[in-house]
Amino acid sequence: MATRRYKTSVGDSDGDVVEEVGAATNSDTIELTVDLATTQVVEGAGARGVTRAEVLAGLDRIRNKIIGGNWPPA
């Protein structure tokens, strides 16, 4: 499975964000794993990988969920 992981901890700067390849493991406070497999997005009779724009749109939805929900989540 092709994945890309982004991770950061509280107090990090933009330059401290780490980008890695591999399965998700919990090693920082905040982590995001994107599955880049070419079978993740079904389109008609075929499938393709996710685009950068789709990942960013997904991040917006996650951000909105965090903003609109209870914190900390129960």
PDB file of N, CA and C in Angstrom:
ATOM      1  N   MET A   1       0.839  -1.169   0.000  1.00  0.00           N
ATOM      2  CA  MET A   1       0.000   0.000   0.000  1.00  0.00           C
ATOM      3  C   MET A   1       0.890   1.240   0.000  1.00  0.00           C
ATOM      4  N   ALA A   2       0.633   2.162  -0.897  1.00  0.00           N
ATOM      5  CA  ALA A   2       1.406   3.399  -0.972  1.00  0.00           C
ATOM      6  C   ALA A   2       0.767   4.440  -0.062  1.00  0.00           C
ATOM      7  N   THR A   3       1.522   4.908   0.902  1.00  0.00           N
ATOM      8  CA  THR A   3       1.013   5.938   1.805  1.00  0.00           C
ATOM      9  C   THR A   3       2.035   7.046   1.958  1.00  0.00           C
ATOM     10  N   ARG A   4       1.545   8.193   2.375  1.00  0.00           N
ATOM     11  CA  ARG A   4       2.407   9.308   2.740  1.00  0.00           C
ATOM     12  C   ARG A   4       1.923   9.775   4.101  1.00  0.00           C
ATOM     13  N   ARG A   5       2.863   9.918   5.035  1.00  0.00           N
ATOM     14  CA  ARG A   5       2.534  10.363   6.384  1.00  0.00           C
ATOM     15  C   ARG A   5       3.110  11.745   6.627  1.00  0.00           C
ATOM     16  N   TYR A   6       2.312  12.571   7.266  1.00  0.00           N
ATOM     17  CA  TYR A   6       2.752  13.891   7.703  1.00  0.00           C
ATOM     18  C   TYR A   6       2.556  13.925   9.209  1.00  0.00           C
ATOM     19  N   LYS A   7       3.563  14.418   9.931  1.00  0.00           N
ATOM     20  CA  LYS A   7       3.426  14.438  11.382  1.00  0.00           C
ATOM     21  C   LYS A   7       4.097  15.661  11.983  1.00  0.00           C
ATOM     22  N   THR A   8       3.541  16.083  13.114  1.00  0.00           N
ATOM     23  CA  THR A   8       4.041  17.254  13.818  1.00  0.00           C
ATOM     24  C   THR A   8       3.657  17.143  15.290  1.00  0.00           C
ATOM     25  N   SER A   9       4.301  17.918  16.103  1.00  0.00           N
ATOM     26  CA  SER A   9       3.983  17.974  17.526  1.00  0.00           C
ATOM     27  C   SER A   9       3.679  19.413  17.914  1.00  0.00           C
ATOM     28  N   VAL A  10       3.001  19.571  19.029  1.00  0.00           N
ATOM     29  CA  VAL A  10       2.683  20.900  19.536  1.00  0.00           C
ATOM     30  C   VAL A  10       3.976  21.683  19.717  1.00  0.00           C
ATOM     31  N   GLY A  11       3.997  22.918  19.261  1.00  0.00           N
ATOM     32  CA  GLY A  11       5.182  23.757  19.375  1.00  0.00           C
ATOM     33  C   GLY A  11       6.088  23.719  18.166  1.00  0.00           C
ATOM     34  N   ASP A  12       5.852  22.782  17.246  1.00  0.00           N
ATOM     35  CA  ASP A  12       6.659  22.710  16.023  1.00  0.00           C
ATOM     36  C   ASP A  12       6.341  23.883  15.103  1.00  0.00           C
ATOM     37  N   SER A  13       7.281  24.216  14.236  1.00  0.00           N
ATOM     38  CA  SER A  13       7.048  25.211  13.190  1.00  0.00           C
ATOM     39  C   SER A  13       6.759  24.479  11.883  1.00  0.00           C
ATOM     40  N   ASP A  14       6.407  25.229  10.840  1.00  0.00           N
ATOM     41  CA  ASP A  14       6.143  24.618   9.533  1.00  0.00           C
ATOM     42  C   ASP A  14       7.325  23.781   9.065  1.00  0.00           C
ATOM     43  N   GLY A  15       8.525  24.244   9.340  1.00  0.00           N
ATOM     44  CA  GLY A  15       9.718  23.528   8.916  1.00  0.00           C
ATOM     45  C   GLY A  15       9.969  22.235   9.676  1.00  0.00           C
ATOM     46  N   ASP A  16       9.258  22.048  10.796  1.00  0.00           N
ATOM     47  CA  ASP A  16       9.432  20.840  11.603  1.00  0.00           C
ATOM     48  C   ASP A  16       8.510  19.695  11.186  1.00  0.00           C
ATOM     49  N   VAL A  17       7.554  19.969  10.289  1.00  0.00           N
ATOM     50  CA  VAL A  17       6.638  18.915   9.841  1.00  0.00           C
ATOM     51  C   VAL A  17       7.439  17.866   9.086  1.00  0.00           C
ATOM     52  N   VAL A  18       7.238  16.608   9.447  1.00  0.00           N
ATOM     53  CA  VAL A  18       7.966  15.498   8.839  1.00  0.00           C
ATOM     54  C   VAL A  18       7.062  14.802   7.835  1.00  0.00           C
ATOM     55  N   GLU A  19       7.607  14.489   6.670  1.00  0.00           N
ATOM     56  CA  GLU A  19       6.906  13.718   5.650  1.00  0.00           C
ATOM     57  C   GLU A  19       7.635  12.396   5.488  1.00  0.00           C
ATOM     58  N   GLU A  20       6.892  11.295   5.600  1.00  0.00           N
ATOM     59  CA  GLU A  20       7.489   9.962   5.529  1.00  0.00           C
ATOM     60  C   GLU A  20       6.649   9.043   4.649  1.00  0.00           C
ATOM     61  N   VAL A  21       7.241   7.951   4.276  1.00  0.00           N
ATOM     62  CA  VAL A  21       6.547   6.887   3.556  1.00  0.00           C
ATOM     63  C   VAL A  21       6.339   5.743   4.526  1.00  0.00           C
ATOM     64  N   GLY A  22       5.201   5.080   4.438  1.00  0.00           N
ATOM     65  CA  GLY A  22       4.989   3.892   5.254  1.00  0.00           C
ATOM     66  C   GLY A  22       3.668   3.889   5.971  1.00  0.00           C
ATOM     67  N   ALA A  23       3.412   2.803   6.665  1.00  0.00           N
ATOM     68  CA  ALA A  23       2.162   2.633   7.393  1.00  0.00           C
ATOM     69  C   ALA A  23       2.101   3.586   8.580  1.00  0.00           C
ATOM     70  N   ALA A  24       0.882   3.905   8.973  1.00  0.00           N
ATOM     71  CA  ALA A  24       0.675   4.834  10.079  1.00  0.00           C
ATOM     72  C   ALA A  24       1.160   4.235  11.391  1.00  0.00           C
ATOM     73  N   THR A  25       1.945   4.997  12.110  1.00  0.00           N
ATOM     74  CA  THR A  25       2.342   4.658  13.472  1.00  0.00           C
ATOM     75  C   THR A  25       2.272   5.932  14.285  1.00  0.00           C
ATOM     76  N   ASN A  26       1.951   5.815  15.540  1.00  0.00           N
ATOM     77  CA  ASN A  26       1.794   6.982  16.385  1.00  0.00           C
ATOM     78  C   ASN A  26       3.139   7.372  16.977  1.00  0.00           C
ATOM     79  N   SER A  27       3.782   8.387  16.400  1.00  0.00           N
ATOM     80  CA  SER A  27       5.072   8.824  16.924  1.00  0.00           C
ATOM     81  C   SER A  27       5.126  10.325  17.157  1.00  0.00           C
ATOM     82  N   ASP A  28       4.060  11.038  16.810  1.00  0.00           N
ATOM     83  CA  ASP A  28       3.957  12.469  17.073  1.00  0.00           C
ATOM     84  C   ASP A  28       2.551  12.772  17.565  1.00  0.00           C
ATOM     85  N   THR A  29       2.348  13.986  18.068  1.00  0.00           N
ATOM     86  CA  THR A  29       1.055  14.372  18.610  1.00  0.00           C
ATOM     87  C   THR A  29      -0.029  14.405  17.541  1.00  0.00           C
ATOM     88  N   ILE A  30       0.299  14.911  16.363  1.00  0.00           N
ATOM     89  CA  ILE A  30      -0.672  15.068  15.280  1.00  0.00           C
ATOM     90  C   ILE A  30      -0.114  14.378  14.044  1.00  0.00           C
ATOM     91  N   GLU A  31      -0.898  13.460  13.484  1.00  0.00           N
ATOM     92  CA  GLU A  31      -0.445  12.734  12.297  1.00  0.00           C
ATOM     93  C   GLU A  31      -1.570  12.622  11.279  1.00  0.00           C
ATOM     94  N   LEU A  32      -1.192  12.623  10.025  1.00  0.00           N
ATOM     95  CA  LEU A  32      -2.123  12.431   8.920  1.00  0.00           C
ATOM     96  C   LEU A  32      -1.513  11.400   7.987  1.00  0.00           C
ATOM     97  N   THR A  33      -2.290  10.394   7.624  1.00  0.00           N
ATOM     98  CA  THR A  33      -1.843   9.397   6.659  1.00  0.00           C
ATOM     99  C   THR A  33      -2.737   9.487   5.437  1.00  0.00           C
ATOM    100  N   VAL A  34      -2.130   9.614   4.268  1.00  0.00           N
ATOM    101  CA  VAL A  34      -2.860   9.662   3.003  1.00  0.00           C
ATOM    102  C   VAL A  34      -2.545   8.385   2.241  1.00  0.00           C
ATOM    103  N   ASP A  35      -3.590   7.656   1.858  1.00  0.00           N
ATOM    104  CA  ASP A  35      -3.420   6.430   1.078  1.00  0.00           C
ATOM    105  C   ASP A  35      -3.338   6.812  -0.393  1.00  0.00           C
ATOM    106  N   LEU A  36      -2.201   6.562  -1.005  1.00  0.00           N
ATOM    107  CA  LEU A  36      -1.959   6.963  -2.390  1.00  0.00           C
ATOM    108  C   LEU A  36      -2.192   5.841  -3.392  1.00  0.00           C
ATOM    109  N   ALA A  37      -2.726   4.714  -2.931  1.00  0.00           N
ATOM    110  CA  ALA A  37      -2.962   3.588  -3.840  1.00  0.00           C
ATOM    111  C   ALA A  37      -3.864   4.021  -4.990  1.00  0.00           C
ATOM    112  N   THR A  38      -3.611   3.482  -6.146  1.00  0.00           N
ATOM    113  CA  THR A  38      -4.356   3.885  -7.342  1.00  0.00           C
ATOM    114  C   THR A  38      -5.748   3.275  -7.402  1.00  0.00           C
ATOM    115  N   THR A  39      -6.183   2.636  -6.341  1.00  0.00           N
ATOM    116  CA  THR A  39      -7.516   2.023  -6.330  1.00  0.00           C
ATOM    117  C   THR A  39      -8.445   2.678  -5.317  1.00  0.00           C
ATOM    118  N   GLN A  40      -8.074   3.802  -4.748  1.00  0.00           N
ATOM    119  CA  GLN A  40      -8.845   4.391  -3.658  1.00  0.00           C
ATOM    120  C   GLN A  40     -10.044   5.210  -4.110  1.00  0.00           C
ATOM    121  N   VAL A  41      -9.996   5.801  -5.298  1.00  0.00           N
ATOM    122  CA  VAL A  41     -11.088   6.637  -5.784  1.00  0.00           C
ATOM    123  C   VAL A  41     -11.734   5.922  -6.963  1.00  0.00           C
ATOM    124  N   VAL A  42     -12.981   5.493  -6.775  1.00  0.00           N
ATOM    125  CA  VAL A  42     -13.698   4.779  -7.835  1.00  0.00           C
ATOM    126  C   VAL A  42     -14.338   5.804  -8.755  1.00  0.00           C
ATOM    127  N   GLU A  43     -14.085   5.637 -10.049  1.00  0.00           N
ATOM    128  CA  GLU A  43     -14.616   6.532 -11.071  1.00  0.00           C
ATOM    129  C   GLU A  43     -15.161   5.684 -12.209  1.00  0.00           C
ATOM    130  N   GLY A  44     -16.483   5.645 -12.331  1.00  0.00           N
ATOM    131  CA  GLY A  44     -17.070   4.815 -13.368  1.00  0.00           C
ATOM    132  C   GLY A  44     -16.699   3.361 -13.157  1.00  0.00           C
ATOM    133  N   ALA A  45     -16.138   2.747 -14.189  1.00  0.00           N
ATOM    134  CA  ALA A  45     -15.738   1.340 -14.096  1.00  0.00           C
ATOM    135  C   ALA A  45     -14.299   1.184 -13.616  1.00  0.00           C
ATOM    136  N   GLY A  46     -13.596   2.298 -13.424  1.00  0.00           N
ATOM    137  CA  GLY A  46     -12.190   2.231 -13.033  1.00  0.00           C
ATOM    138  C   GLY A  46     -11.933   2.861 -11.684  1.00  0.00           C
ATOM    139  N   ALA A  47     -10.666   2.975 -11.362  1.00  0.00           N
ATOM    140  CA  ALA A  47     -10.250   3.578 -10.106  1.00  0.00           C
ATOM    141  C   ALA A  47      -8.955   4.340 -10.335  1.00  0.00           C
ATOM    142  N   ARG A  48      -8.693   5.294  -9.454  1.00  0.00           N
ATOM    143  CA  ARG A  48      -7.486   6.112  -9.564  1.00  0.00           C
ATOM    144  C   ARG A  48      -7.045   6.530  -8.172  1.00  0.00           C
ATOM    145  N   GLY A  49      -5.876   7.112  -8.114  1.00  0.00           N
ATOM    146  CA  GLY A  49      -5.380   7.646  -6.856  1.00  0.00           C
ATOM    147  C   GLY A  49      -5.996   9.000  -6.552  1.00  0.00           C
ATOM    148  N   VAL A  50      -5.884   9.414  -5.326  1.00  0.00           N
ATOM    149  CA  VAL A  50      -6.420  10.688  -4.872  1.00  0.00           C
ATOM    150  C   VAL A  50      -5.540  11.835  -5.376  1.00  0.00           C
ATOM    151  N   THR A  51      -6.149  12.978  -5.682  1.00  0.00           N
ATOM    152  CA  THR A  51      -5.396  14.149  -6.133  1.00  0.00           C
ATOM    153  C   THR A  51      -5.030  15.036  -4.943  1.00  0.00           C
ATOM    154  N   ARG A  52      -4.106  15.919  -5.155  1.00  0.00           N
ATOM    155  CA  ARG A  52      -3.730  16.882  -4.107  1.00  0.00           C
ATOM    156  C   ARG A  52      -4.939  17.722  -3.701  1.00  0.00           C
ATOM    157  N   ALA A  53      -5.715  18.180  -4.690  1.00  0.00           N
ATOM    158  CA  ALA A  53      -6.903  18.996  -4.403  1.00  0.00           C
ATOM    159  C   ALA A  53      -7.908  18.221  -3.548  1.00  0.00           C
ATOM    160  N   GLU A  54      -8.060  16.925  -3.808  1.00  0.00           N
ATOM    161  CA  GLU A  54      -8.984  16.109  -3.014  1.00  0.00           C
ATOM    162  C   GLU A  54      -8.488  15.932  -1.586  1.00  0.00           C
ATOM    163  N   VAL A  55      -7.187  15.793  -1.405  1.00  0.00           N
ATOM    164  CA  VAL A  55      -6.626  15.700  -0.055  1.00  0.00           C
ATOM    165  C   VAL A  55      -6.863  17.004   0.693  1.00  0.00           C
ATOM    166  N   LEU A  56      -6.608  18.130   0.041  1.00  0.00           N
ATOM    167  CA  LEU A  56      -6.808  19.430   0.689  1.00  0.00           C
ATOM    168  C   LEU A  56      -8.277  19.663   1.026  1.00  0.00           C
ATOM    169  N   ALA A  57      -9.192  19.247   0.146  1.00  0.00           N
ATOM    170  CA  ALA A  57     -10.625  19.369   0.433  1.00  0.00           C
ATOM    171  C   ALA A  57     -10.996  18.494   1.633  1.00  0.00           C
ATOM    172  N   GLY A  58     -10.423  17.305   1.707  1.00  0.00           N
ATOM    173  CA  GLY A  58     -10.657  16.434   2.854  1.00  0.00           C
ATOM    174  C   GLY A  58     -10.144  17.044   4.150  1.00  0.00           C
ATOM    175  N   LEU A  59      -8.987  17.685   4.080  1.00  0.00           N
ATOM    176  CA  LEU A  59      -8.444  18.364   5.263  1.00  0.00           C
ATOM    177  C   LEU A  59      -9.366  19.489   5.716  1.00  0.00           C
ATOM    178  N   ASP A  60      -9.960  20.208   4.770  1.00  0.00           N
ATOM    179  CA  ASP A  60     -10.924  21.255   5.121  1.00  0.00           C
ATOM    180  C   ASP A  60     -12.123  20.662   5.859  1.00  0.00           C
ATOM    181  N   ARG A  61     -12.618  19.514   5.390  1.00  0.00           N
ATOM    182  CA  ARG A  61     -13.755  18.871   6.055  1.00  0.00           C
ATOM    183  C   ARG A  61     -13.378  18.416   7.464  1.00  0.00           C
ATOM    184  N   ILE A  62     -12.175  17.868   7.617  1.00  0.00           N
ATOM    185  CA  ILE A  62     -11.711  17.455   8.946  1.00  0.00           C
ATOM    186  C   ILE A  62     -11.572  18.672   9.852  1.00  0.00           C
ATOM    187  N   ARG A  63     -10.998  19.741   9.338  1.00  0.00           N
ATOM    188  CA  ARG A  63     -10.841  20.982  10.108  1.00  0.00           C
ATOM    189  C   ARG A  63     -12.196  21.495  10.585  1.00  0.00           C
ATOM    190  N   ASN A  64     -13.182  21.513   9.675  1.00  0.00           N
ATOM    191  CA  ASN A  64     -14.518  21.976  10.032  1.00  0.00           C
ATOM    192  C   ASN A  64     -15.152  21.090  11.095  1.00  0.00           C
ATOM    193  N   LYS A  65     -14.919  19.794  11.023  1.00  0.00           N
ATOM    194  CA  LYS A  65     -15.445  18.862  12.029  1.00  0.00           C
ATOM    195  C   LYS A  65     -14.830  19.158  13.396  1.00  0.00           C
ATOM    196  N   ILE A  66     -13.533  19.413  13.430  1.00  0.00           N
ATOM    197  CA  ILE A  66     -12.861  19.726  14.695  1.00  0.00           C
ATOM    198  C   ILE A  66     -13.376  21.049  15.249  1.00  0.00           C
ATOM    199  N   ILE A  67     -13.533  22.057  14.389  1.00  0.00           N
ATOM    200  CA  ILE A  67     -14.023  23.367  14.825  1.00  0.00           C
ATOM    201  C   ILE A  67     -15.445  23.268  15.365  1.00  0.00           C
ATOM    202  N   GLY A  68     -16.307  22.521  14.675  1.00  0.00           N
ATOM    203  CA  GLY A  68     -17.714  22.452  15.051  1.00  0.00           C
ATOM    204  C   GLY A  68     -18.043  21.441  16.130  1.00  0.00           C
ATOM    205  N   GLY A  69     -17.109  20.578  16.457  1.00  0.00           N
ATOM    206  CA  GLY A  69     -17.384  19.527  17.433  1.00  0.00           C
ATOM    207  C   GLY A  69     -16.922  19.884  18.832  1.00  0.00           C
ATOM    208  N   ASN A  70     -17.141  18.961  19.737  1.00  0.00           N
ATOM    209  CA  ASN A  70     -16.675  19.132  21.116  1.00  0.00           C
ATOM    210  C   ASN A  70     -15.167  18.930  21.174  1.00  0.00           C
ATOM    211  N   TRP A  71     -14.507  19.658  22.076  1.00  0.00           N
ATOM    212  CA  TRP A  71     -13.079  19.453  22.278  1.00  0.00           C
ATOM    213  C   TRP A  71     -12.796  19.381  23.755  1.00  0.00           C
ATOM    214  N   PRO A  72     -12.126  18.383  24.214  1.00  0.00           N
ATOM    215  CA  PRO A  72     -11.639  17.245  23.444  1.00  0.00           C
ATOM    216  C   PRO A  72     -12.794  16.328  23.070  1.00  0.00           C
ATOM    217  N   PRO A  73     -12.655  15.612  21.950  1.00  0.00           N
ATOM    218  CA  PRO A  73     -13.717  14.697  21.555  1.00  0.00           C
ATOM    219  C   PRO A  73     -13.871  13.582  22.588  1.00  0.00           C
ATOM    220  N   ALA A  74     -15.096  13.172  22.780  1.00  0.00           N
ATOM    221  CA  ALA A  74     -15.351  12.115  23.782  1.00  0.00           C
ATOM    222  C   ALA A  74     -15.549  10.777  23.114  1.00  0.00           C
TER     223      ALA A  74
END
